[in-house]
Amino acid sequence: NYGRHRRDFTYVDDIVEGVVRVLDHVAEPD
């Protein structure tokens, strides 16, 4: 794309932190 496209680059440690928080926060009905 001639370098013009944009990406929401997300660092792996941020992803891991998010996964751990979600894992501990059990989904509930809305």
Full PDB file with SEQRES, HELIX, SHEET, SSBOND, CRYST1, ORIGX, SCALE, CONECT and MASTER records, all heavy atoms in Angstrom:
SEQRES   1 A   30  ASN TYR GLY ARG HIS ARG ARG ASP PHE THR TYR VAL ASP          
SEQRES   2 A   30  ASP ILE VAL GLU GLY VAL VAL ARG VAL LEU ASP HIS VAL          
SEQRES   3 A   30  ALA GLU PRO ASP                                              
HELIX    1 AA1 VAL A   12  ASP A   24  1                                  13    
CRYST1    1.000    1.000    1.000  90.00  90.00  90.00 P 1           1          
ORIGX1      1.000000  0.000000  0.000000        0.00000                         
ORIGX2      0.000000  1.000000  0.000000        0.00000                         
ORIGX3      0.000000  0.000000  1.000000        0.00000                         
SCALE1      1.000000  0.000000  0.000000        0.00000                         
SCALE2      0.000000  1.000000  0.000000        0.00000                         
SCALE3      0.000000  0.000000  1.000000        0.00000                         
ATOM      1  N   ASN A   1       0.836  -1.209   0.000  1.00  0.00           N  
ATOM      2  CA  ASN A   1       0.000   0.000   0.000  1.00  0.00           C  
ATOM      3  C   ASN A   1       0.873   1.261   0.000  1.00  0.00           C  
ATOM      4  O   ASN A   1       0.460   2.302   0.496  1.00  0.00           O  
ATOM      5  CB  ASN A   1      -0.965   0.019   1.196  1.00  0.00           C  
ATOM      6  CG  ASN A   1      -2.136   0.959   0.975  1.00  0.00           C  
ATOM      7  OD1 ASN A   1      -2.617   1.127  -0.128  1.00  0.00           O  
ATOM      8  ND2 ASN A   1      -2.594   1.584   2.060  1.00  0.00           N  
ATOM      9  N   TYR A   2       2.080   1.112  -0.571  1.00  0.00           N  
ATOM     10  CA  TYR A   2       3.034   2.223  -0.705  1.00  0.00           C  
ATOM     11  C   TYR A   2       3.358   2.860   0.660  1.00  0.00           C  
ATOM     12  O   TYR A   2       3.731   4.035   0.731  1.00  0.00           O  
ATOM     13  CB  TYR A   2       2.497   3.265  -1.695  1.00  0.00           C  
ATOM     14  CG  TYR A   2       2.054   2.628  -3.001  1.00  0.00           C  
ATOM     15  CD1 TYR A   2       0.695   2.424  -3.260  1.00  0.00           C  
ATOM     16  CD2 TYR A   2       2.982   2.170  -3.930  1.00  0.00           C  
ATOM     17  CE1 TYR A   2       0.271   1.793  -4.434  1.00  0.00           C  
ATOM     18  CE2 TYR A   2       2.576   1.541  -5.106  1.00  0.00           C  
ATOM     19  CZ  TYR A   2       1.223   1.345  -5.347  1.00  0.00           C  
ATOM     20  OH  TYR A   2       0.808   0.712  -6.492  1.00  0.00           O  
ATOM     21  N   GLY A   3       3.178   2.057   1.725  1.00  0.00           N  
ATOM     22  CA  GLY A   3       3.505   2.536   3.070  1.00  0.00           C  
ATOM     23  C   GLY A   3       2.476   3.449   3.679  1.00  0.00           C  
ATOM     24  O   GLY A   3       2.699   4.006   4.767  1.00  0.00           O  
ATOM     25  N   ARG A   4       1.319   3.593   3.015  1.00  0.00           N  
ATOM     26  CA  ARG A   4       0.337   4.575   3.480  1.00  0.00           C  
ATOM     27  C   ARG A   4      -0.647   4.014   4.500  1.00  0.00           C  
ATOM     28  O   ARG A   4      -1.368   4.781   5.134  1.00  0.00           O  
ATOM     29  CB  ARG A   4      -0.428   5.153   2.293  1.00  0.00           C  
ATOM     30  CG  ARG A   4       0.409   6.059   1.405  1.00  0.00           C  
ATOM     31  CD  ARG A   4      -0.467   6.889   0.501  1.00  0.00           C  
ATOM     32  NE  ARG A   4      -1.218   6.071  -0.440  1.00  0.00           N  
ATOM     33  CZ  ARG A   4      -0.836   5.831  -1.696  1.00  0.00           C  
ATOM     34  NH1 ARG A   4       0.303   6.338  -2.137  1.00  0.00           N  
ATOM     35  NH2 ARG A   4      -1.579   5.087  -2.487  1.00  0.00           N  
ATOM     36  N   HIS A   5      -0.760   2.681   4.619  1.00  0.00           N  
ATOM     37  CA  HIS A   5      -1.768   2.196   5.563  1.00  0.00           C  
ATOM     38  C   HIS A   5      -1.296   2.349   7.002  1.00  0.00           C  
ATOM     39  O   HIS A   5      -0.104   2.433   7.288  1.00  0.00           O  
ATOM     40  CB  HIS A   5      -2.206   0.753   5.253  1.00  0.00           C  
ATOM     41  CG  HIS A   5      -1.144  -0.280   5.261  1.00  0.00           C  
ATOM     42  ND1 HIS A   5      -0.436  -0.653   4.148  1.00  0.00           N  
ATOM     43  CD2 HIS A   5      -0.672  -1.052   6.273  1.00  0.00           C  
ATOM     44  CE1 HIS A   5       0.414  -1.602   4.455  1.00  0.00           C  
ATOM     45  NE2 HIS A   5       0.297  -1.863   5.747  1.00  0.00           N  
ATOM     46  N   ARG A   6      -2.269   2.409   7.882  1.00  0.00           N  
ATOM     47  CA  ARG A   6      -2.003   2.632   9.300  1.00  0.00           C  
ATOM     48  C   ARG A   6      -2.391   1.387  10.090  1.00  0.00           C  
ATOM     49  O   ARG A   6      -3.379   0.726   9.770  1.00  0.00           O  
ATOM     50  CB  ARG A   6      -2.780   3.843   9.820  1.00  0.00           C  
ATOM     51  CG  ARG A   6      -2.427   5.149   9.134  1.00  0.00           C  
ATOM     52  CD  ARG A   6      -3.147   6.321   9.800  1.00  0.00           C  
ATOM     53  NE  ARG A   6      -4.594   6.088   9.857  1.00  0.00           N  
ATOM     54  CZ  ARG A   6      -5.425   6.698  10.709  1.00  0.00           C  
ATOM     55  NH1 ARG A   6      -4.945   7.558  11.593  1.00  0.00           N  
ATOM     56  NH2 ARG A   6      -6.716   6.449  10.680  1.00  0.00           N  
ATOM     57  N   ARG A   7      -1.610   1.106  11.125  1.00  0.00           N  
ATOM     58  CA  ARG A   7      -1.894  -0.032  11.989  1.00  0.00           C  
ATOM     59  C   ARG A   7      -1.854   0.411  13.451  1.00  0.00           C  
ATOM     60  O   ARG A   7      -1.039   1.246  13.838  1.00  0.00           O  
ATOM     61  CB  ARG A   7      -0.863  -1.160  11.777  1.00  0.00           C  
ATOM     62  CG  ARG A   7      -1.005  -1.894  10.449  1.00  0.00           C  
ATOM     63  CD  ARG A   7      -2.253  -2.751  10.427  1.00  0.00           C  
ATOM     64  NE  ARG A   7      -2.414  -3.464   9.162  1.00  0.00           N  
ATOM     65  CZ  ARG A   7      -3.092  -3.006   8.122  1.00  0.00           C  
ATOM     66  NH1 ARG A   7      -3.645  -1.804   8.180  1.00  0.00           N  
ATOM     67  NH2 ARG A   7      -3.229  -3.738   7.031  1.00  0.00           N  
ATOM     68  N   ASP A   8      -2.732  -0.187  14.235  1.00  0.00           N  
ATOM     69  CA  ASP A   8      -2.752   0.065  15.671  1.00  0.00           C  
ATOM     70  C   ASP A   8      -1.788  -0.921  16.330  1.00  0.00           C  
ATOM     71  O   ASP A   8      -2.197  -1.889  16.960  1.00  0.00           O  
ATOM     72  CB  ASP A   8      -4.183  -0.115  16.199  1.00  0.00           C  
ATOM     73  CG  ASP A   8      -4.461   0.772  17.390  1.00  0.00           C  
ATOM     74  OD1 ASP A   8      -3.499   1.278  17.987  1.00  0.00           O  
ATOM     75  OD2 ASP A   8      -5.649   0.958  17.729  1.00  0.00           O  
ATOM     76  N   PHE A   9      -0.486  -0.684  16.110  1.00  0.00           N  
ATOM     77  CA  PHE A   9       0.555  -1.583  16.618  1.00  0.00           C  
ATOM     78  C   PHE A   9       0.475  -1.686  18.138  1.00  0.00           C  
ATOM     79  O   PHE A   9       0.526  -0.675  18.844  1.00  0.00           O  
ATOM     80  CB  PHE A   9       1.939  -1.081  16.201  1.00  0.00           C  
ATOM     81  CG  PHE A   9       2.163  -1.067  14.714  1.00  0.00           C  
ATOM     82  CD1 PHE A   9       2.122   0.125  14.004  1.00  0.00           C  
ATOM     83  CD2 PHE A   9       2.425  -2.246  14.028  1.00  0.00           C  
ATOM     84  CE1 PHE A   9       2.331   0.143  12.627  1.00  0.00           C  
ATOM     85  CE2 PHE A   9       2.647  -2.241  12.660  1.00  0.00           C  
ATOM     86  CZ  PHE A   9       2.592  -1.045  11.960  1.00  0.00           C  
ATOM     87  N   THR A  10       0.375  -2.925  18.648  1.00  0.00           N  
ATOM     88  CA  THR A  10       0.170  -3.141  20.082  1.00  0.00           C  
ATOM     89  C   THR A  10       1.267  -4.049  20.624  1.00  0.00           C  
ATOM     90  O   THR A  10       1.465  -5.158  20.132  1.00  0.00           O  
ATOM     91  CB  THR A  10      -1.213  -3.753  20.338  1.00  0.00           C  
ATOM     92  OG1 THR A  10      -2.212  -3.013  19.624  1.00  0.00           O  
ATOM     93  CG2 THR A  10      -1.543  -3.732  21.821  1.00  0.00           C  
ATOM     94  N   TYR A  11       1.971  -3.563  21.644  1.00  0.00           N  
ATOM     95  CA  TYR A  11       3.135  -4.261  22.180  1.00  0.00           C  
ATOM     96  C   TYR A  11       2.714  -5.503  22.957  1.00  0.00           C  
ATOM     97  O   TYR A  11       1.720  -5.500  23.686  1.00  0.00           O  
ATOM     98  CB  TYR A  11       3.924  -3.305  23.071  1.00  0.00           C  
ATOM     99  CG  TYR A  11       5.268  -3.827  23.501  1.00  0.00           C  
ATOM    100  CD1 TYR A  11       6.255  -4.126  22.567  1.00  0.00           C  
ATOM    101  CD2 TYR A  11       5.558  -4.020  24.842  1.00  0.00           C  
ATOM    102  CE1 TYR A  11       7.501  -4.591  22.961  1.00  0.00           C  
ATOM    103  CE2 TYR A  11       6.804  -4.480  25.252  1.00  0.00           C  
ATOM    104  CZ  TYR A  11       7.768  -4.768  24.295  1.00  0.00           C  
ATOM    105  OH  TYR A  11       9.001  -5.240  24.689  1.00  0.00           O  
ATOM    106  N   VAL A  12       3.492  -6.569  22.814  1.00  0.00           N  
ATOM    107  CA  VAL A  12       3.109  -7.868  23.363  1.00  0.00           C  
ATOM    108  C   VAL A  12       2.885  -7.841  24.872  1.00  0.00           C  
ATOM    109  O   VAL A  12       1.965  -8.489  25.385  1.00  0.00           O  
ATOM    110  CB  VAL A  12       4.139  -8.956  22.967  1.00  0.00           C  
ATOM    111  CG1 VAL A  12       5.519  -8.651  23.548  1.00  0.00           C  
ATOM    112  CG2 VAL A  12       3.654 -10.334  23.360  1.00  0.00           C  
ATOM    113  N   ASP A  13       3.696  -7.100  25.618  1.00  0.00           N  
ATOM    114  CA  ASP A  13       3.514  -7.053  27.074  1.00  0.00           C  
ATOM    115  C   ASP A  13       2.189  -6.395  27.450  1.00  0.00           C  
ATOM    116  O   ASP A  13       1.568  -6.756  28.463  1.00  0.00           O  
ATOM    117  CB  ASP A  13       4.666  -6.294  27.749  1.00  0.00           C  
ATOM    118  CG  ASP A  13       5.974  -7.087  27.731  1.00  0.00           C  
ATOM    119  OD1 ASP A  13       5.962  -8.240  27.261  1.00  0.00           O  
ATOM    120  OD2 ASP A  13       7.007  -6.546  28.172  1.00  0.00           O  
ATOM    121  N   ASP A  14       1.757  -5.425  26.646  1.00  0.00           N  
ATOM    122  CA  ASP A  14       0.447  -4.801  26.872  1.00  0.00           C  
ATOM    123  C   ASP A  14      -0.675  -5.805  26.618  1.00  0.00           C  
ATOM    124  O   ASP A  14      -1.678  -5.830  27.338  1.00  0.00           O  
ATOM    125  CB  ASP A  14       0.268  -3.596  25.947  1.00  0.00           C  
ATOM    126  CG  ASP A  14       1.165  -2.418  26.326  1.00  0.00           C  
ATOM    127  OD1 ASP A  14       1.758  -2.454  27.424  1.00  0.00           O  
ATOM    128  OD2 ASP A  14       1.261  -1.467  25.527  1.00  0.00           O  
ATOM    129  N   ILE A  15      -0.501  -6.621  25.589  1.00  0.00           N  
ATOM    130  CA  ILE A  15      -1.484  -7.660  25.285  1.00  0.00           C  
ATOM    131  C   ILE A  15      -1.581  -8.649  26.445  1.00  0.00           C  
ATOM    132  O   ILE A  15      -2.684  -9.001  26.904  1.00  0.00           O  
ATOM    133  CB  ILE A  15      -1.115  -8.398  23.981  1.00  0.00           C  
ATOM    134  CG1 ILE A  15      -1.306  -7.486  22.772  1.00  0.00           C  
ATOM    135  CG2 ILE A  15      -1.914  -9.692  23.838  1.00  0.00           C  
ATOM    136  CD1 ILE A  15      -2.743  -7.213  22.391  1.00  0.00           C  
ATOM    137  N   VAL A  16      -0.443  -9.103  26.938  1.00  0.00           N  
ATOM    138  CA  VAL A  16      -0.420 -10.078  28.037  1.00  0.00           C  
ATOM    139  C   VAL A  16      -1.085  -9.502  29.283  1.00  0.00           C  
ATOM    140  O   VAL A  16      -1.876 -10.179  29.946  1.00  0.00           O  
ATOM    141  CB  VAL A  16       1.024 -10.527  28.327  1.00  0.00           C  
ATOM    142  CG1 VAL A  16       1.102 -11.301  29.639  1.00  0.00           C  
ATOM    143  CG2 VAL A  16       1.546 -11.385  27.181  1.00  0.00           C  
ATOM    144  N   GLU A  17      -0.777  -8.256  29.603  1.00  0.00           N  
ATOM    145  CA  GLU A  17      -1.419  -7.620  30.758  1.00  0.00           C  
ATOM    146  C   GLU A  17      -2.937  -7.596  30.589  1.00  0.00           C  
ATOM    147  O   GLU A  17      -3.690  -7.896  31.526  1.00  0.00           O  
ATOM    148  CB  GLU A  17      -0.894  -6.192  30.931  1.00  0.00           C  
ATOM    149  CG  GLU A  17      -1.580  -5.379  32.022  1.00  0.00           C  
ATOM    150  CD  GLU A  17      -1.352  -5.912  33.425  1.00  0.00           C  
ATOM    151  OE1 GLU A  17      -0.353  -6.621  33.660  1.00  0.00           O  
ATOM    152  OE2 GLU A  17      -2.197  -5.627  34.311  1.00  0.00           O  
ATOM    153  N   GLY A  18      -3.389  -7.275  29.380  1.00  0.00           N  
ATOM    154  CA  GLY A  18      -4.821  -7.254  29.118  1.00  0.00           C  
ATOM    155  C   GLY A  18      -5.459  -8.625  29.238  1.00  0.00           C  
ATOM    156  O   GLY A  18      -6.548  -8.778  29.810  1.00  0.00           O  
ATOM    157  N   VAL A  19      -4.790  -9.647  28.717  1.00  0.00           N  
ATOM    158  CA  VAL A  19      -5.328 -11.010  28.794  1.00  0.00           C  
ATOM    159  C   VAL A  19      -5.459 -11.447  30.250  1.00  0.00           C  
ATOM    160  O   VAL A  19      -6.485 -12.028  30.648  1.00  0.00           O  
ATOM    161  CB  VAL A  19      -4.434 -12.004  28.019  1.00  0.00           C  
ATOM    162  CG1 VAL A  19      -4.906 -13.434  28.260  1.00  0.00           C  
ATOM    163  CG2 VAL A  19      -4.449 -11.693  26.521  1.00  0.00           C  
ATOM    164  N   VAL A  20      -4.454 -11.172  31.063  1.00  0.00           N  
ATOM    165  CA  VAL A  20      -4.494 -11.565  32.477  1.00  0.00           C  
ATOM    166  C   VAL A  20      -5.652 -10.873  33.189  1.00  0.00           C  
ATOM    167  O   VAL A  20      -6.396 -11.499  33.962  1.00  0.00           O  
ATOM    168  CB  VAL A  20      -3.153 -11.245  33.170  1.00  0.00           C  
ATOM    169  CG1 VAL A  20      -3.267 -11.415  34.680  1.00  0.00           C  
ATOM    170  CG2 VAL A  20      -2.049 -12.146  32.620  1.00  0.00           C  
ATOM    171  N   ARG A  21      -5.829  -9.592  32.921  1.00  0.00           N  
ATOM    172  CA  ARG A  21      -6.935  -8.866  33.562  1.00  0.00           C  
ATOM    173  C   ARG A  21      -8.285  -9.429  33.144  1.00  0.00           C  
ATOM    174  O   ARG A  21      -9.196  -9.575  33.967  1.00  0.00           O  
ATOM    175  CB  ARG A  21      -6.852  -7.374  33.222  1.00  0.00           C  
ATOM    176  CG  ARG A  21      -5.673  -6.667  33.866  1.00  0.00           C  
ATOM    177  CD  ARG A  21      -5.802  -5.168  33.714  1.00  0.00           C  
ATOM    178  NE  ARG A  21      -4.634  -4.478  34.251  1.00  0.00           N  
ATOM    179  CZ  ARG A  21      -4.681  -3.270  34.818  1.00  0.00           C  
ATOM    180  NH1 ARG A  21      -5.846  -2.638  34.929  1.00  0.00           N  
ATOM    181  NH2 ARG A  21      -3.587  -2.695  35.275  1.00  0.00           N  
ATOM    182  N   VAL A  22      -8.417  -9.733  31.866  1.00  0.00           N  
ATOM    183  CA  VAL A  22      -9.675 -10.299  31.372  1.00  0.00           C  
ATOM    184  C   VAL A  22      -9.914 -11.681  31.970  1.00  0.00           C  
ATOM    185  O   VAL A  22     -11.033 -12.017  32.367  1.00  0.00           O  
ATOM    186  CB  VAL A  22      -9.666 -10.359  29.833  1.00  0.00           C  
ATOM    187  CG1 VAL A  22     -10.825 -11.209  29.308  1.00  0.00           C  
ATOM    188  CG2 VAL A  22      -9.742  -8.960  29.241  1.00  0.00           C  
ATOM    189  N   LEU A  23      -8.873 -12.494  32.033  1.00  0.00           N  
ATOM    190  CA  LEU A  23      -8.987 -13.841  32.590  1.00  0.00           C  
ATOM    191  C   LEU A  23      -9.527 -13.799  34.020  1.00  0.00           C  
ATOM    192  O   LEU A  23     -10.339 -14.640  34.423  1.00  0.00           O  
ATOM    193  CB  LEU A  23      -7.618 -14.527  32.565  1.00  0.00           C  
ATOM    194  CG  LEU A  23      -7.550 -15.964  33.074  1.00  0.00           C  
ATOM    195  CD1 LEU A  23      -8.334 -16.904  32.176  1.00  0.00           C  
ATOM    196  CD2 LEU A  23      -6.094 -16.411  33.173  1.00  0.00           C  
ATOM    197  N   ASP A  24      -9.088 -12.812  34.793  1.00  0.00           N  
ATOM    198  CA  ASP A  24      -9.506 -12.681  36.190  1.00  0.00           C  
ATOM    199  C   ASP A  24     -10.891 -12.049  36.332  1.00  0.00           C  
ATOM    200  O   ASP A  24     -11.470 -12.068  37.421  1.00  0.00           O  
ATOM    201  CB  ASP A  24      -8.487 -11.829  36.964  1.00  0.00           C  
ATOM    202  CG  ASP A  24      -7.136 -12.524  37.115  1.00  0.00           C  
ATOM    203  OD1 ASP A  24      -7.068 -13.749  36.922  1.00  0.00           O  
ATOM    204  OD2 ASP A  24      -6.150 -11.829  37.426  1.00  0.00           O  
ATOM    205  N   HIS A  25     -11.394 -11.472  35.246  1.00  0.00           N  
ATOM    206  CA  HIS A  25     -12.680 -10.765  35.260  1.00  0.00           C  
ATOM    207  C   HIS A  25     -13.699 -11.613  34.481  1.00  0.00           C  
ATOM    208  O   HIS A  25     -13.881 -11.431  33.287  1.00  0.00           O  
ATOM    209  CB  HIS A  25     -12.504  -9.388  34.610  1.00  0.00           C  
ATOM    210  CG  HIS A  25     -13.696  -8.493  34.692  1.00  0.00           C  
ATOM    211  ND1 HIS A  25     -13.981  -7.724  35.790  1.00  0.00           N  
ATOM    212  CD2 HIS A  25     -14.689  -8.256  33.797  1.00  0.00           C  
ATOM    213  CE1 HIS A  25     -15.090  -7.040  35.578  1.00  0.00           C  
ATOM    214  NE2 HIS A  25     -15.537  -7.347  34.367  1.00  0.00           N  
ATOM    215  N   VAL A  26     -14.319 -12.553  35.166  1.00  0.00           N  
ATOM    216  CA  VAL A  26     -15.185 -13.535  34.498  1.00  0.00           C  
ATOM    217  C   VAL A  26     -16.390 -12.848  33.851  1.00  0.00           C  
ATOM    218  O   VAL A  26     -17.064 -12.022  34.481  1.00  0.00           O  
ATOM    219  CB  VAL A  26     -15.651 -14.613  35.495  1.00  0.00           C  
ATOM    220  CG1 VAL A  26     -16.564 -15.622  34.807  1.00  0.00           C  
ATOM    221  CG2 VAL A  26     -14.445 -15.320  36.112  1.00  0.00           C  
ATOM    222  N   ALA A  27     -16.643 -13.185  32.594  1.00  0.00           N  
ATOM    223  CA  ALA A  27     -17.759 -12.593  31.851  1.00  0.00           C  
ATOM    224  C   ALA A  27     -19.088 -12.867  32.544  1.00  0.00           C  
ATOM    225  O   ALA A  27     -19.334 -13.967  33.042  1.00  0.00           O  
ATOM    226  CB  ALA A  27     -17.786 -13.147  30.434  1.00  0.00           C  
ATOM    227  N   GLU A  28     -19.943 -11.861  32.551  1.00  0.00           N  
ATOM    228  CA  GLU A  28     -21.271 -11.980  33.145  1.00  0.00           C  
ATOM    229  C   GLU A  28     -22.323 -11.515  32.154  1.00  0.00           C  
ATOM    230  O   GLU A  28     -22.023 -10.758  31.229  1.00  0.00           O  
ATOM    231  CB  GLU A  28     -21.351 -11.140  34.423  1.00  0.00           C  
ATOM    232  CG  GLU A  28     -20.427 -11.595  35.534  1.00  0.00           C  
ATOM    233  CD  GLU A  28     -20.549 -10.723  36.770  1.00  0.00           C  
ATOM    234  OE1 GLU A  28     -21.203  -9.649  36.671  1.00  0.00           O  
ATOM    235  OE2 GLU A  28     -20.000 -11.096  37.814  1.00  0.00           O  
ATOM    236  N   PRO A  29     -23.581 -11.925  32.337  1.00  0.00           N  
ATOM    237  CA  PRO A  29     -24.650 -11.435  31.470  1.00  0.00           C  
ATOM    238  C   PRO A  29     -24.815  -9.921  31.603  1.00  0.00           C  
ATOM    239  O   PRO A  29     -24.584  -9.350  32.667  1.00  0.00           O  
ATOM    240  CB  PRO A  29     -25.889 -12.165  32.003  1.00  0.00           C  
ATOM    241  CG  PRO A  29     -25.367 -13.356  32.728  1.00  0.00           C  
ATOM    242  CD  PRO A  29     -24.053 -12.933  33.305  1.00  0.00           C  
ATOM    243  N   ASP A  30     -25.197  -9.293  30.506  1.00  0.00           N  
ATOM    244  CA  ASP A  30     -25.490  -7.861  30.494  1.00  0.00           C  
ATOM    245  C   ASP A  30     -26.974  -7.682  30.800  1.00  0.00           C  
ATOM    246  O   ASP A  30     -27.831  -8.009  29.967  1.00  0.00           O  
ATOM    247  CB  ASP A  30     -25.128  -7.279  29.127  1.00  0.00           C  
ATOM    248  CG  ASP A  30     -25.399  -5.789  29.023  1.00  0.00           C  
ATOM    249  OD1 ASP A  30     -25.923  -5.208  29.996  1.00  0.00           O  
ATOM    250  OD2 ASP A  30     -25.116  -5.205  27.965  1.00  0.00           O  
TER     251      ASP A  30                                                      
MASTER        0    0    0    1    0    0    0    6  250    1    0    3          
END                                                                             
